């Protein structure tokens, strides 16, 4: 599981829910200093779609926290969303994968 892709997919789903089609400005980075992951670019989108940043943040937080993989979502000014992963849930996923044959990694077919 690629967690950055997972987070991006969930953000994209949230934006689709509120009828926003393009989210090219969103960046997700590992951030061990403040959180597990940090989301950037929300301010630009809020300006573009003319929704107050606080409202957009609250929508994102409310929707993301429903997923078991996230433990805590914090909104930090001037426009960052800090994401903390649920360590127990991650351990369960790792344990599940470790029990599968070849760690559930499929071989790529050789190209000619």
PDB file of N, CA and C in Angstrom:
ATOM      1  N   UNK A   1       0.846  -1.187   0.000  1.00  0.00           N
ATOM      2  CA  UNK A   1       0.000   0.000   0.000  1.00  0.00           C
ATOM      3  C   UNK A   1       0.887   1.245   0.000  1.00  0.00           C
ATOM      4  N   UNK A   2       0.671   2.112  -0.953  1.00  0.00           N
ATOM      5  CA  UNK A   2       1.361   3.384  -0.991  1.00  0.00           C
ATOM      6  C   UNK A   2       0.469   4.406  -0.282  1.00  0.00           C
ATOM      7  N   UNK A   3       0.898   4.850   0.871  1.00  0.00           N
ATOM      8  CA  UNK A   3       0.040   5.704   1.701  1.00  0.00           C
ATOM      9  C   UNK A   3      -0.199   7.066   1.052  1.00  0.00           C
ATOM     10  N   UNK A   4       0.811   7.635   0.406  1.00  0.00           N
ATOM     11  CA  UNK A   4       0.601   8.923  -0.271  1.00  0.00           C
ATOM     12  C   UNK A   4      -0.488   8.808  -1.337  1.00  0.00           C
ATOM     13  N   UNK A   5      -0.414   7.736  -2.125  1.00  0.00           N
ATOM     14  CA  UNK A   5      -1.442   7.531  -3.157  1.00  0.00           C
ATOM     15  C   UNK A   5      -2.813   7.319  -2.522  1.00  0.00           C
ATOM     16  N   UNK A   6      -2.835   6.594  -1.419  1.00  0.00           N
ATOM     17  CA  UNK A   6      -4.086   6.342  -0.704  1.00  0.00           C
ATOM     18  C   UNK A   6      -4.701   7.666  -0.228  1.00  0.00           C
ATOM     19  N   UNK A   7      -3.886   8.515   0.390  1.00  0.00           N
ATOM     20  CA  UNK A   7      -4.374   9.812   0.874  1.00  0.00           C
ATOM     21  C   UNK A   7      -4.874  10.653  -0.297  1.00  0.00           C
ATOM     22  N   UNK A   8      -4.095  10.687  -1.388  1.00  0.00           N
ATOM     23  CA  UNK A   8      -4.482  11.470  -2.560  1.00  0.00           C
ATOM     24  C   UNK A   8      -5.819  10.979  -3.120  1.00  0.00           C
ATOM     25  N   UNK A   9      -5.974   9.669  -3.161  1.00  0.00           N
ATOM     26  CA  UNK A   9      -7.217   9.069  -3.657  1.00  0.00           C
ATOM     27  C   UNK A   9      -8.402   9.498  -2.788  1.00  0.00           C
ATOM     28  N   UNK A  10      -8.202   9.529  -1.483  1.00  0.00           N
ATOM     29  CA  UNK A  10      -9.279   9.927  -0.565  1.00  0.00           C
ATOM     30  C   UNK A  10      -9.590  11.414  -0.702  1.00  0.00           C
ATOM     31  N   UNK A  11      -8.555  12.239  -0.856  1.00  0.00           N
ATOM     32  CA  UNK A  11      -8.762  13.682  -1.063  1.00  0.00           C
ATOM     33  C   UNK A  11      -9.528  13.910  -2.367  1.00  0.00           C
ATOM     34  N   UNK A  12      -9.131  13.194  -3.403  1.00  0.00           N
ATOM     35  CA  UNK A  12      -9.809  13.308  -4.702  1.00  0.00           C
ATOM     36  C   UNK A  12     -11.289  12.939  -4.565  1.00  0.00           C
ATOM     37  N   UNK A  13     -11.573  11.893  -3.808  1.00  0.00           N
ATOM     38  CA  UNK A  13     -12.956  11.452  -3.575  1.00  0.00           C
ATOM     39  C   UNK A  13     -13.752  12.527  -2.828  1.00  0.00           C
ATOM     40  N   UNK A  14     -13.121  13.163  -1.837  1.00  0.00           N
ATOM     41  CA  UNK A  14     -13.778  14.236  -1.079  1.00  0.00           C
ATOM     42  C   UNK A  14     -14.090  15.408  -1.996  1.00  0.00           C
ATOM     43  N   UNK A  15     -13.126  15.784  -2.832  1.00  0.00           N
ATOM     44  CA  UNK A  15     -13.342  16.906  -3.738  1.00  0.00           C
ATOM     45  C   UNK A  15     -14.417  16.592  -4.780  1.00  0.00           C
ATOM     46  N   UNK A  16     -14.455  15.365  -5.212  1.00  0.00           N
ATOM     47  CA  UNK A  16     -15.509  14.949  -6.142  1.00  0.00           C
ATOM     48  C   UNK A  16     -16.867  15.093  -5.461  1.00  0.00           C
ATOM     49  N   UNK A  17     -16.924  14.744  -4.185  1.00  0.00           N
ATOM     50  CA  UNK A  17     -18.149  14.858  -3.387  1.00  0.00           C
ATOM     51  C   UNK A  17     -18.647  16.301  -3.333  1.00  0.00           C
ATOM     52  N   UNK A  18     -17.719  17.253  -3.261  1.00  0.00           N
ATOM     53  CA  UNK A  18     -18.129  18.663  -3.211  1.00  0.00           C
ATOM     54  C   UNK A  18     -18.022  19.335  -4.586  1.00  0.00           C
ATOM     55  N   UNK A  19     -17.982  18.487  -5.628  1.00  0.00           N
ATOM     56  CA  UNK A  19     -18.044  18.930  -7.024  1.00  0.00           C
ATOM     57  C   UNK A  19     -16.820  19.733  -7.488  1.00  0.00           C
ATOM     58  N   UNK A  20     -15.645  19.315  -7.060  1.00  0.00           N
ATOM     59  CA  UNK A  20     -14.397  19.914  -7.526  1.00  0.00           C
ATOM     60  C   UNK A  20     -13.699  18.861  -8.375  1.00  0.00           C
ATOM     61  N   UNK A  21     -13.426  19.217  -9.631  1.00  0.00           N
ATOM     62  CA  UNK A  21     -12.882  18.220 -10.542  1.00  0.00           C
ATOM     63  C   UNK A  21     -11.355  18.161 -10.568  1.00  0.00           C
ATOM     64  N   UNK A  22     -10.695  19.286 -10.558  1.00  0.00           N
ATOM     65  CA  UNK A  22      -9.233  19.282 -10.663  1.00  0.00           C
ATOM     66  C   UNK A  22      -8.591  19.632  -9.329  1.00  0.00           C
ATOM     67  N   UNK A  23      -7.640  18.788  -8.926  1.00  0.00           N
ATOM     68  CA  UNK A  23      -6.903  19.043  -7.682  1.00  0.00           C
ATOM     69  C   UNK A  23      -5.394  18.906  -7.927  1.00  0.00           C
ATOM     70  N   UNK A  24      -4.946  19.464  -9.015  1.00  0.00           N
ATOM     71  CA  UNK A  24      -3.538  19.340  -9.408  1.00  0.00           C
ATOM     72  C   UNK A  24      -2.575  19.979  -8.417  1.00  0.00           C
ATOM     73  N   UNK A  25      -3.032  20.959  -7.659  1.00  0.00           N
ATOM     74  CA  UNK A  25      -2.139  21.691  -6.754  1.00  0.00           C
ATOM     75  C   UNK A  25      -1.880  20.972  -5.439  1.00  0.00           C
ATOM     76  N   UNK A  26      -2.577  19.895  -5.183  1.00  0.00           N
ATOM     77  CA  UNK A  26      -2.437  19.172  -3.918  1.00  0.00           C
ATOM     78  C   UNK A  26      -1.103  18.432  -3.886  1.00  0.00           C
ATOM     79  N   UNK A  27      -0.396  18.595  -2.784  1.00  0.00           N
ATOM     80  CA  UNK A  27       0.846  17.864  -2.569  1.00  0.00           C
ATOM     81  C   UNK A  27       0.768  17.185  -1.202  1.00  0.00           C
ATOM     82  N   UNK A  28       1.249  15.963  -1.166  1.00  0.00           N
ATOM     83  CA  UNK A  28       1.265  15.202   0.079  1.00  0.00           C
ATOM     84  C   UNK A  28       2.698  14.807   0.355  1.00  0.00           C
ATOM     85  N   UNK A  29       3.175  15.153   1.539  1.00  0.00           N
ATOM     86  CA  UNK A  29       4.567  14.869   1.884  1.00  0.00           C
ATOM     87  C   UNK A  29       4.655  14.178   3.233  1.00  0.00           C
ATOM     88  N   UNK A  30       5.669  13.323   3.337  1.00  0.00           N
ATOM     89  CA  UNK A  30       6.015  12.760   4.649  1.00  0.00           C
ATOM     90  C   UNK A  30       6.525  13.894   5.499  1.00  0.00           C
ATOM     91  N   UNK A  31       6.114  13.934   6.742  1.00  0.00           N
ATOM     92  CA  UNK A  31       6.585  15.008   7.601  1.00  0.00           C
ATOM     93  C   UNK A  31       6.746  14.479   9.014  1.00  0.00           C
ATOM     94  N   UNK A  32       7.888  13.922   9.306  1.00  0.00           N
ATOM     95  CA  UNK A  32       8.120  13.343  10.631  1.00  0.00           C
ATOM     96  C   UNK A  32       8.191  14.393  11.728  1.00  0.00           C
ATOM     97  N   UNK A  33       8.440  15.625  11.367  1.00  0.00           N
ATOM     98  CA  UNK A  33       8.591  16.683  12.368  1.00  0.00           C
ATOM     99  C   UNK A  33       7.259  17.040  13.034  1.00  0.00           C
ATOM    100  N   UNK A  34       6.200  17.152  12.242  1.00  0.00           N
ATOM    101  CA  UNK A  34       4.913  17.597  12.781  1.00  0.00           C
ATOM    102  C   UNK A  34       3.832  16.529  12.764  1.00  0.00           C
ATOM    103  N   UNK A  35       3.945  15.584  11.846  1.00  0.00           N
ATOM    104  CA  UNK A  35       2.914  14.554  11.683  1.00  0.00           C
ATOM    105  C   UNK A  35       3.489  13.443  10.815  1.00  0.00           C
ATOM    106  N   UNK A  36       2.657  12.467  10.479  1.00  0.00           N
ATOM    107  CA  UNK A  36       3.109  11.414   9.573  1.00  0.00           C
ATOM    108  C   UNK A  36       3.101  11.911   8.125  1.00  0.00           C
ATOM    109  N   UNK A  37       2.047  12.612   7.765  1.00  0.00           N
ATOM    110  CA  UNK A  37       1.925  13.193   6.424  1.00  0.00           C
ATOM    111  C   UNK A  37       1.331  14.582   6.533  1.00  0.00           C
ATOM    112  N   UNK A  38       1.638  15.401   5.518  1.00  0.00           N
ATOM    113  CA  UNK A  38       1.103  16.753   5.482  1.00  0.00           C
ATOM    114  C   UNK A  38       0.556  17.014   4.079  1.00  0.00           C
ATOM    115  N   UNK A  39      -0.607  17.652   4.023  1.00  0.00           N
ATOM    116  CA  UNK A  39      -1.237  17.999   2.748  1.00  0.00           C
ATOM    117  C   UNK A  39      -1.073  19.497   2.533  1.00  0.00           C
ATOM    118  N   UNK A  40      -0.578  19.865   1.346  1.00  0.00           N
ATOM    119  CA  UNK A  40      -0.378  21.259   0.953  1.00  0.00           C
ATOM    120  C   UNK A  40      -1.275  21.577  -0.241  1.00  0.00           C
ATOM    121  N   UNK A  41      -1.555  22.858  -0.453  1.00  0.00           N
ATOM    122  CA  UNK A  41      -2.241  23.304  -1.658  1.00  0.00           C
ATOM    123  C   UNK A  41      -3.733  23.534  -1.508  1.00  0.00           C
ATOM    124  N   UNK A  42      -4.249  23.385  -0.316  1.00  0.00           N
ATOM    125  CA  UNK A  42      -5.688  23.533  -0.103  1.00  0.00           C
ATOM    126  C   UNK A  42      -6.128  24.996  -0.249  1.00  0.00           C
ATOM    127  N   UNK A  43      -5.277  25.925   0.164  1.00  0.00           N
ATOM    128  CA  UNK A  43      -5.623  27.353   0.095  1.00  0.00           C
ATOM    129  C   UNK A  43      -5.894  27.777  -1.348  1.00  0.00           C
ATOM    130  N   UNK A  44      -5.021  27.359  -2.265  1.00  0.00           N
ATOM    131  CA  UNK A  44      -5.193  27.727  -3.678  1.00  0.00           C
ATOM    132  C   UNK A  44      -6.511  27.207  -4.227  1.00  0.00           C
ATOM    133  N   UNK A  45      -6.855  25.989  -3.848  1.00  0.00           N
ATOM    134  CA  UNK A  45      -8.118  25.404  -4.315  1.00  0.00           C
ATOM    135  C   UNK A  45      -9.307  26.153  -3.725  1.00  0.00           C
ATOM    136  N   UNK A  46      -9.230  26.510  -2.444  1.00  0.00           N
ATOM    137  CA  UNK A  46     -10.344  27.232  -1.816  1.00  0.00           C
ATOM    138  C   UNK A  46     -10.570  28.588  -2.487  1.00  0.00           C
ATOM    139  N   UNK A  47      -9.478  29.256  -2.864  1.00  0.00           N
ATOM    140  CA  UNK A  47      -9.607  30.540  -3.573  1.00  0.00           C
ATOM    141  C   UNK A  47     -10.220  30.333  -4.951  1.00  0.00           C
ATOM    142  N   UNK A  48      -9.770  29.282  -5.613  1.00  0.00           N
ATOM    143  CA  UNK A  48     -10.230  29.002  -6.970  1.00  0.00           C
ATOM    144  C   UNK A  48     -11.730  28.703  -7.010  1.00  0.00           C
ATOM    145  N   UNK A  49     -12.211  27.945  -6.025  1.00  0.00           N
ATOM    146  CA  UNK A  49     -13.624  27.561  -6.021  1.00  0.00           C
ATOM    147  C   UNK A  49     -14.489  28.470  -5.147  1.00  0.00           C
ATOM    148  N   UNK A  50     -13.828  29.453  -4.529  1.00  0.00           N
ATOM    149  CA  UNK A  50     -14.507  30.463  -3.714  1.00  0.00           C
ATOM    150  C   UNK A  50     -15.273  29.869  -2.530  1.00  0.00           C
ATOM    151  N   UNK A  51     -14.585  28.986  -1.822  1.00  0.00           N
ATOM    152  CA  UNK A  51     -15.090  28.441  -0.555  1.00  0.00           C
ATOM    153  C   UNK A  51     -14.113  28.884   0.518  1.00  0.00           C
ATOM    154  N   UNK A  52     -14.636  29.345   1.644  1.00  0.00           N
ATOM    155  CA  UNK A  52     -13.754  29.764   2.731  1.00  0.00           C
ATOM    156  C   UNK A  52     -12.878  28.592   3.150  1.00  0.00           C
ATOM    157  N   UNK A  53     -11.615  28.881   3.392  1.00  0.00           N
ATOM    158  CA  UNK A  53     -10.627  27.854   3.708  1.00  0.00           C
ATOM    159  C   UNK A  53     -11.037  27.034   4.933  1.00  0.00           C
ATOM    160  N   UNK A  54     -11.589  27.695   5.954  1.00  0.00           N
ATOM    161  CA  UNK A  54     -11.993  26.970   7.162  1.00  0.00           C
ATOM    162  C   UNK A  54     -13.088  25.947   6.881  1.00  0.00           C
ATOM    163  N   UNK A  55     -14.006  26.299   6.008  1.00  0.00           N
ATOM    164  CA  UNK A  55     -15.089  25.377   5.647  1.00  0.00           C
ATOM    165  C   UNK A  55     -14.532  24.184   4.881  1.00  0.00           C
ATOM    166  N   UNK A  56     -13.641  24.461   3.929  1.00  0.00           N
ATOM    167  CA  UNK A  56     -13.027  23.383   3.150  1.00  0.00           C
ATOM    168  C   UNK A  56     -12.215  22.459   4.052  1.00  0.00           C
ATOM    169  N   UNK A  57     -11.459  23.036   4.979  1.00  0.00           N
ATOM    170  CA  UNK A  57     -10.692  22.234   5.932  1.00  0.00           C
ATOM    171  C   UNK A  57     -11.603  21.326   6.758  1.00  0.00           C
ATOM    172  N   UNK A  58     -12.688  21.880   7.237  1.00  0.00           N
ATOM    173  CA  UNK A  58     -13.613  21.097   8.068  1.00  0.00           C
ATOM    174  C   UNK A  58     -14.232  19.936   7.288  1.00  0.00           C
ATOM    175  N   UNK A  59     -14.555  20.187   6.026  1.00  0.00           N
ATOM    176  CA  UNK A  59     -15.110  19.124   5.176  1.00  0.00           C
ATOM    177  C   UNK A  59     -14.082  18.010   5.002  1.00  0.00           C
ATOM    178  N   UNK A  60     -12.855  18.384   4.690  1.00  0.00           N
ATOM    179  CA  UNK A  60     -11.787  17.400   4.479  1.00  0.00           C
ATOM    180  C   UNK A  60     -11.541  16.601   5.757  1.00  0.00           C
ATOM    181  N   UNK A  61     -11.431  17.295   6.862  1.00  0.00           N
ATOM    182  CA  UNK A  61     -11.175  16.629   8.145  1.00  0.00           C
ATOM    183  C   UNK A  61     -12.300  15.657   8.496  1.00  0.00           C
ATOM    184  N   UNK A  62     -13.533  16.112   8.345  1.00  0.00           N
ATOM    185  CA  UNK A  62     -14.698  15.290   8.686  1.00  0.00           C
ATOM    186  C   UNK A  62     -14.747  14.019   7.841  1.00  0.00           C
ATOM    187  N   UNK A  63     -14.405  14.133   6.562  1.00  0.00           N
ATOM    188  CA  UNK A  63     -14.455  12.977   5.661  1.00  0.00           C
ATOM    189  C   UNK A  63     -13.265  12.035   5.876  1.00  0.00           C
ATOM    190  N   UNK A  64     -12.057  12.583   6.075  1.00  0.00           N
ATOM    191  CA  UNK A  64     -10.864  11.748   6.226  1.00  0.00           C
ATOM    192  C   UNK A  64     -10.864  10.939   7.517  1.00  0.00           C
ATOM    193  N   UNK A  65     -11.337  11.520   8.586  1.00  0.00           N
ATOM    194  CA  UNK A  65     -11.262  10.863   9.895  1.00  0.00           C
ATOM    195  C   UNK A  65     -12.111   9.587   9.937  1.00  0.00           C
ATOM    196  N   UNK A  66     -13.009   9.424   8.984  1.00  0.00           N
ATOM    197  CA  UNK A  66     -13.853   8.228   8.935  1.00  0.00           C
ATOM    198  C   UNK A  66     -13.075   6.971   8.552  1.00  0.00           C
ATOM    199  N   UNK A  67     -11.925   7.140   7.908  1.00  0.00           N
ATOM    200  CA  UNK A  67     -11.133   5.993   7.469  1.00  0.00           C
ATOM    201  C   UNK A  67     -10.273   5.484   8.616  1.00  0.00           C
ATOM    202  N   UNK A  68     -10.250   4.175   8.790  1.00  0.00           N
ATOM    203  CA  UNK A  68      -9.547   3.548   9.910  1.00  0.00           C
ATOM    204  C   UNK A  68      -8.044   3.812   9.918  1.00  0.00           C
ATOM    205  N   UNK A  69      -7.480   4.074   8.770  1.00  0.00           N
ATOM    206  CA  UNK A  69      -6.032   4.253   8.675  1.00  0.00           C
ATOM    207  C   UNK A  69      -5.570   5.556   9.338  1.00  0.00           C
ATOM    208  N   UNK A  70      -6.476   6.511   9.473  1.00  0.00           N
ATOM    209  CA  UNK A  70      -6.120   7.799  10.064  1.00  0.00           C
ATOM    210  C   UNK A  70      -6.512   7.844  11.536  1.00  0.00           C
ATOM    211  N   UNK A  71      -5.572   8.283  12.348  1.00  0.00           N
ATOM    212  CA  UNK A  71      -5.813   8.385  13.785  1.00  0.00           C
ATOM    213  C   UNK A  71      -6.276   9.784  14.160  1.00  0.00           C
ATOM    214  N   UNK A  72      -5.605  10.774  13.571  1.00  0.00           N
ATOM    215  CA  UNK A  72      -5.896  12.160  13.933  1.00  0.00           C
ATOM    216  C   UNK A  72      -5.617  13.044  12.713  1.00  0.00           C
ATOM    217  N   UNK A  73      -6.454  14.050  12.523  1.00  0.00           N
ATOM    218  CA  UNK A  73      -6.292  15.032  11.452  1.00  0.00           C
ATOM    219  C   UNK A  73      -6.265  16.400  12.115  1.00  0.00           C
ATOM    220  N   UNK A  74      -5.187  17.154  11.884  1.00  0.00           N
ATOM    221  CA  UNK A  74      -5.085  18.497  12.465  1.00  0.00           C
ATOM    222  C   UNK A  74      -4.958  19.526  11.344  1.00  0.00           C
ATOM    223  N   UNK A  75      -5.637  20.615  11.532  1.00  0.00           N
ATOM    224  CA  UNK A  75      -5.564  21.713  10.587  1.00  0.00           C
ATOM    225  C   UNK A  75      -4.640  22.763  11.191  1.00  0.00           C
ATOM    226  N   UNK A  76      -3.591  23.091  10.446  1.00  0.00           N
ATOM    227  CA  UNK A  76      -2.579  24.023  10.929  1.00  0.00           C
ATOM    228  C   UNK A  76      -2.539  25.227   9.991  1.00  0.00           C
ATOM    229  N   UNK A  77      -2.584  26.400  10.549  1.00  0.00           N
ATOM    230  CA  UNK A  77      -2.460  27.607   9.722  1.00  0.00           C
ATOM    231  C   UNK A  77      -1.012  27.752   9.325  1.00  0.00           C
ATOM    232  N   UNK A  78      -0.691  28.243   8.196  1.00  0.00           N
ATOM    233  CA  UNK A  78      -1.517  28.910   7.196  1.00  0.00           C
ATOM    234  C   UNK A  78      -2.027  28.013   6.076  1.00  0.00           C
ATOM    235  N   UNK A  79      -2.425  26.819   6.331  1.00  0.00           N
ATOM    236  CA  UNK A  79      -3.033  26.035   5.263  1.00  0.00           C
ATOM    237  C   UNK A  79      -2.510  24.627   5.102  1.00  0.00           C
ATOM    238  N   UNK A  80      -2.091  24.025   6.162  1.00  0.00           N
ATOM    239  CA  UNK A  80      -1.621  22.646   6.102  1.00  0.00           C
ATOM    240  C   UNK A  80      -2.612  21.747   6.823  1.00  0.00           C
ATOM    241  N   UNK A  81      -2.705  20.523   6.331  1.00  0.00           N
ATOM    242  CA  UNK A  81      -3.477  19.508   7.031  1.00  0.00           C
ATOM    243  C   UNK A  81      -2.472  18.443   7.452  1.00  0.00           C
ATOM    244  N   UNK A  82      -2.349  18.252   8.747  1.00  0.00           N
ATOM    245  CA  UNK A  82      -1.439  17.245   9.281  1.00  0.00           C
ATOM    246  C   UNK A  82      -2.218  15.966   9.546  1.00  0.00           C
ATOM    247  N   UNK A  83      -1.664  14.862   9.057  1.00  0.00           N
ATOM    248  CA  UNK A  83      -2.317  13.565   9.191  1.00  0.00           C
ATOM    249  C   UNK A  83      -1.452  12.643  10.035  1.00  0.00           C
ATOM    250  N   UNK A  84      -2.100  12.043  11.023  1.00  0.00           N
ATOM    251  CA  UNK A  84      -1.431  11.061  11.876  1.00  0.00           C
ATOM    252  C   UNK A  84      -2.072   9.708  11.588  1.00  0.00           C
ATOM    253  N   UNK A  85      -1.232   8.721  11.317  1.00  0.00           N
ATOM    254  CA  UNK A  85      -1.735   7.389  10.985  1.00  0.00           C
ATOM    255  C   UNK A  85      -2.062   6.602  12.240  1.00  0.00           C
ATOM    256  N   UNK A  86      -3.018   5.715  12.105  1.00  0.00           N
ATOM    257  CA  UNK A  86      -3.391   4.813  13.177  1.00  0.00           C
ATOM    258  C   UNK A  86      -2.380   3.662  13.168  1.00  0.00           C
ATOM    259  N   UNK A  87      -1.469   3.673  14.108  1.00  0.00           N
ATOM    260  CA  UNK A  87      -0.368   2.699  14.148  1.00  0.00           C
ATOM    261  C   UNK A  87      -0.892   1.261  14.282  1.00  0.00           C
ATOM    262  N   UNK A  88      -1.929   1.057  15.064  1.00  0.00           N
ATOM    263  CA  UNK A  88      -2.503  -0.279  15.226  1.00  0.00           C
ATOM    264  C   UNK A  88      -3.059  -0.807  13.912  1.00  0.00           C
ATOM    265  N   UNK A  89      -3.722   0.066  13.169  1.00  0.00           N
ATOM    266  CA  UNK A  89      -4.291  -0.340  11.889  1.00  0.00           C
ATOM    267  C   UNK A  89      -3.177  -0.691  10.896  1.00  0.00           C
ATOM    268  N   UNK A  90      -2.128   0.107  10.882  1.00  0.00           N
ATOM    269  CA  UNK A  90      -0.985  -0.156  10.002  1.00  0.00           C
ATOM    270  C   UNK A  90      -0.361  -1.506  10.353  1.00  0.00           C
ATOM    271  N   UNK A  91      -0.224  -1.792  11.628  1.00  0.00           N
ATOM    272  CA  UNK A  91       0.326  -3.086  12.065  1.00  0.00           C
ATOM    273  C   UNK A  91      -0.537  -4.248  11.582  1.00  0.00           C
ATOM    274  N   UNK A  92      -1.841  -4.080  11.645  1.00  0.00           N
ATOM    275  CA  UNK A  92      -2.752  -5.128  11.172  1.00  0.00           C
ATOM    276  C   UNK A  92      -2.547  -5.381   9.680  1.00  0.00           C
ATOM    277  N   UNK A  93      -2.402  -4.307   8.911  1.00  0.00           N
ATOM    278  CA  UNK A  93      -2.182  -4.432   7.469  1.00  0.00           C
ATOM    279  C   UNK A  93      -0.853  -5.150   7.204  1.00  0.00           C
ATOM    280  N   UNK A  94       0.183  -4.756   7.909  1.00  0.00           N
ATOM    281  CA  UNK A  94       1.497  -5.377   7.729  1.00  0.00           C
ATOM    282  C   UNK A  94       1.444  -6.859   8.097  1.00  0.00           C
ATOM    283  N   UNK A  95       0.797  -7.179   9.185  1.00  0.00           N
ATOM    284  CA  UNK A  95       0.662  -8.585   9.589  1.00  0.00           C
ATOM    285  C   UNK A  95      -0.087  -9.407   8.538  1.00  0.00           C
ATOM    286  N   UNK A  96      -1.134  -8.824   7.998  1.00  0.00           N
ATOM    287  CA  UNK A  96      -1.928  -9.510   6.980  1.00  0.00           C
ATOM    288  C   UNK A  96      -1.078  -9.775   5.727  1.00  0.00           C
ATOM    289  N   UNK A  97      -0.334  -8.765   5.306  1.00  0.00           N
ATOM    290  CA  UNK A  97       0.515  -8.896   4.120  1.00  0.00           C
ATOM    291  C   UNK A  97       1.635  -9.911   4.360  1.00  0.00           C
ATOM    292  N   UNK A  98       2.207  -9.894   5.547  1.00  0.00           N
ATOM    293  CA  UNK A  98       3.335 -10.787   5.848  1.00  0.00           C
ATOM    294  C   UNK A  98       2.941 -12.262   5.810  1.00  0.00           C
ATOM    295  N   UNK A  99       1.671 -12.557   5.974  1.00  0.00           N
ATOM    296  CA  UNK A  99       1.203 -13.938   5.961  1.00  0.00           C
ATOM    297  C   UNK A  99       0.908 -14.448   4.550  1.00  0.00           C
ATOM    298  N   UNK A 100       0.871 -13.546   3.592  1.00  0.00           N
ATOM    299  CA  UNK A 100       0.563 -13.953   2.220  1.00  0.00           C
ATOM    300  C   UNK A 100       1.820 -14.433   1.502  1.00  0.00           C
ATOM    301  N   UNK A 101       1.600 -15.280   0.551  1.00  0.00           N
ATOM    302  CA  UNK A 101       2.703 -15.813  -0.233  1.00  0.00           C
ATOM    303  C   UNK A 101       3.418 -14.670  -0.958  1.00  0.00           C
ATOM    304  N   UNK A 102       4.734 -14.642  -0.839  1.00  0.00           N
ATOM    305  CA  UNK A 102       5.569 -13.606  -1.465  1.00  0.00           C
ATOM    306  C   UNK A 102       5.134 -12.184  -1.069  1.00  0.00           C
ATOM    307  N   UNK A 103       4.582 -12.062   0.102  1.00  0.00           N
ATOM    308  CA  UNK A 103       4.096 -10.770   0.619  1.00  0.00           C
ATOM    309  C   UNK A 103       3.111 -10.103  -0.326  1.00  0.00           C
ATOM    310  N   UNK A 104       2.405 -10.923  -1.087  1.00  0.00           N
ATOM    311  CA  UNK A 104       1.401 -10.449  -2.041  1.00  0.00           C
ATOM    312  C   UNK A 104       2.000  -9.587  -3.161  1.00  0.00           C
ATOM    313  N   UNK A 105       3.267  -9.784  -3.439  1.00  0.00           N
ATOM    314  CA  UNK A 105       3.938  -9.058  -4.519  1.00  0.00           C
ATOM    315  C   UNK A 105       3.916  -9.945  -5.757  1.00  0.00           C
ATOM    316  N   UNK A 106       3.359  -9.428  -6.815  1.00  0.00           N
ATOM    317  CA  UNK A 106       3.267 -10.188  -8.052  1.00  0.00           C
ATOM    318  C   UNK A 106       4.456  -9.878  -8.947  1.00  0.00           C
ATOM    319  N   UNK A 107       4.954 -10.908  -9.588  1.00  0.00           N
ATOM    320  CA  UNK A 107       6.077 -10.736 -10.516  1.00  0.00           C
ATOM    321  C   UNK A 107       5.612 -10.014 -11.759  1.00  0.00           C
ATOM    322  N   UNK A 108       6.448  -9.139 -12.246  1.00  0.00           N
ATOM    323  CA  UNK A 108       6.156  -8.484 -13.492  1.00  0.00           C
ATOM    324  C   UNK A 108       6.539  -9.432 -14.629  1.00  0.00           C
ATOM    325  N   UNK A 109       5.737  -9.428 -15.640  1.00  0.00           N
ATOM    326  CA  UNK A 109       6.051 -10.255 -16.790  1.00  0.00           C
ATOM    327  C   UNK A 109       7.201  -9.614 -17.563  1.00  0.00           C
ATOM    328  N   UNK A 110       8.103 -10.449 -17.993  1.00  0.00           N
ATOM    329  CA  UNK A 110       9.254  -9.956 -18.753  1.00  0.00           C
ATOM    330  C   UNK A 110       8.806  -9.415 -20.096  1.00  0.00           C
ATOM    331  N   UNK A 111       9.370  -8.290 -20.440  1.00  0.00           N
ATOM    332  CA  UNK A 111       9.060  -7.673 -21.737  1.00  0.00           C
ATOM    333  C   UNK A 111      10.107  -8.104 -22.753  1.00  0.00           C
ATOM    334  N   UNK A 112       9.664  -8.241 -23.973  1.00  0.00           N
ATOM    335  CA  UNK A 112      10.577  -8.624 -25.050  1.00  0.00           C
ATOM    336  C   UNK A 112      11.061  -7.400 -25.779  1.00  0.00           C
TER     337      UNK A 112
END
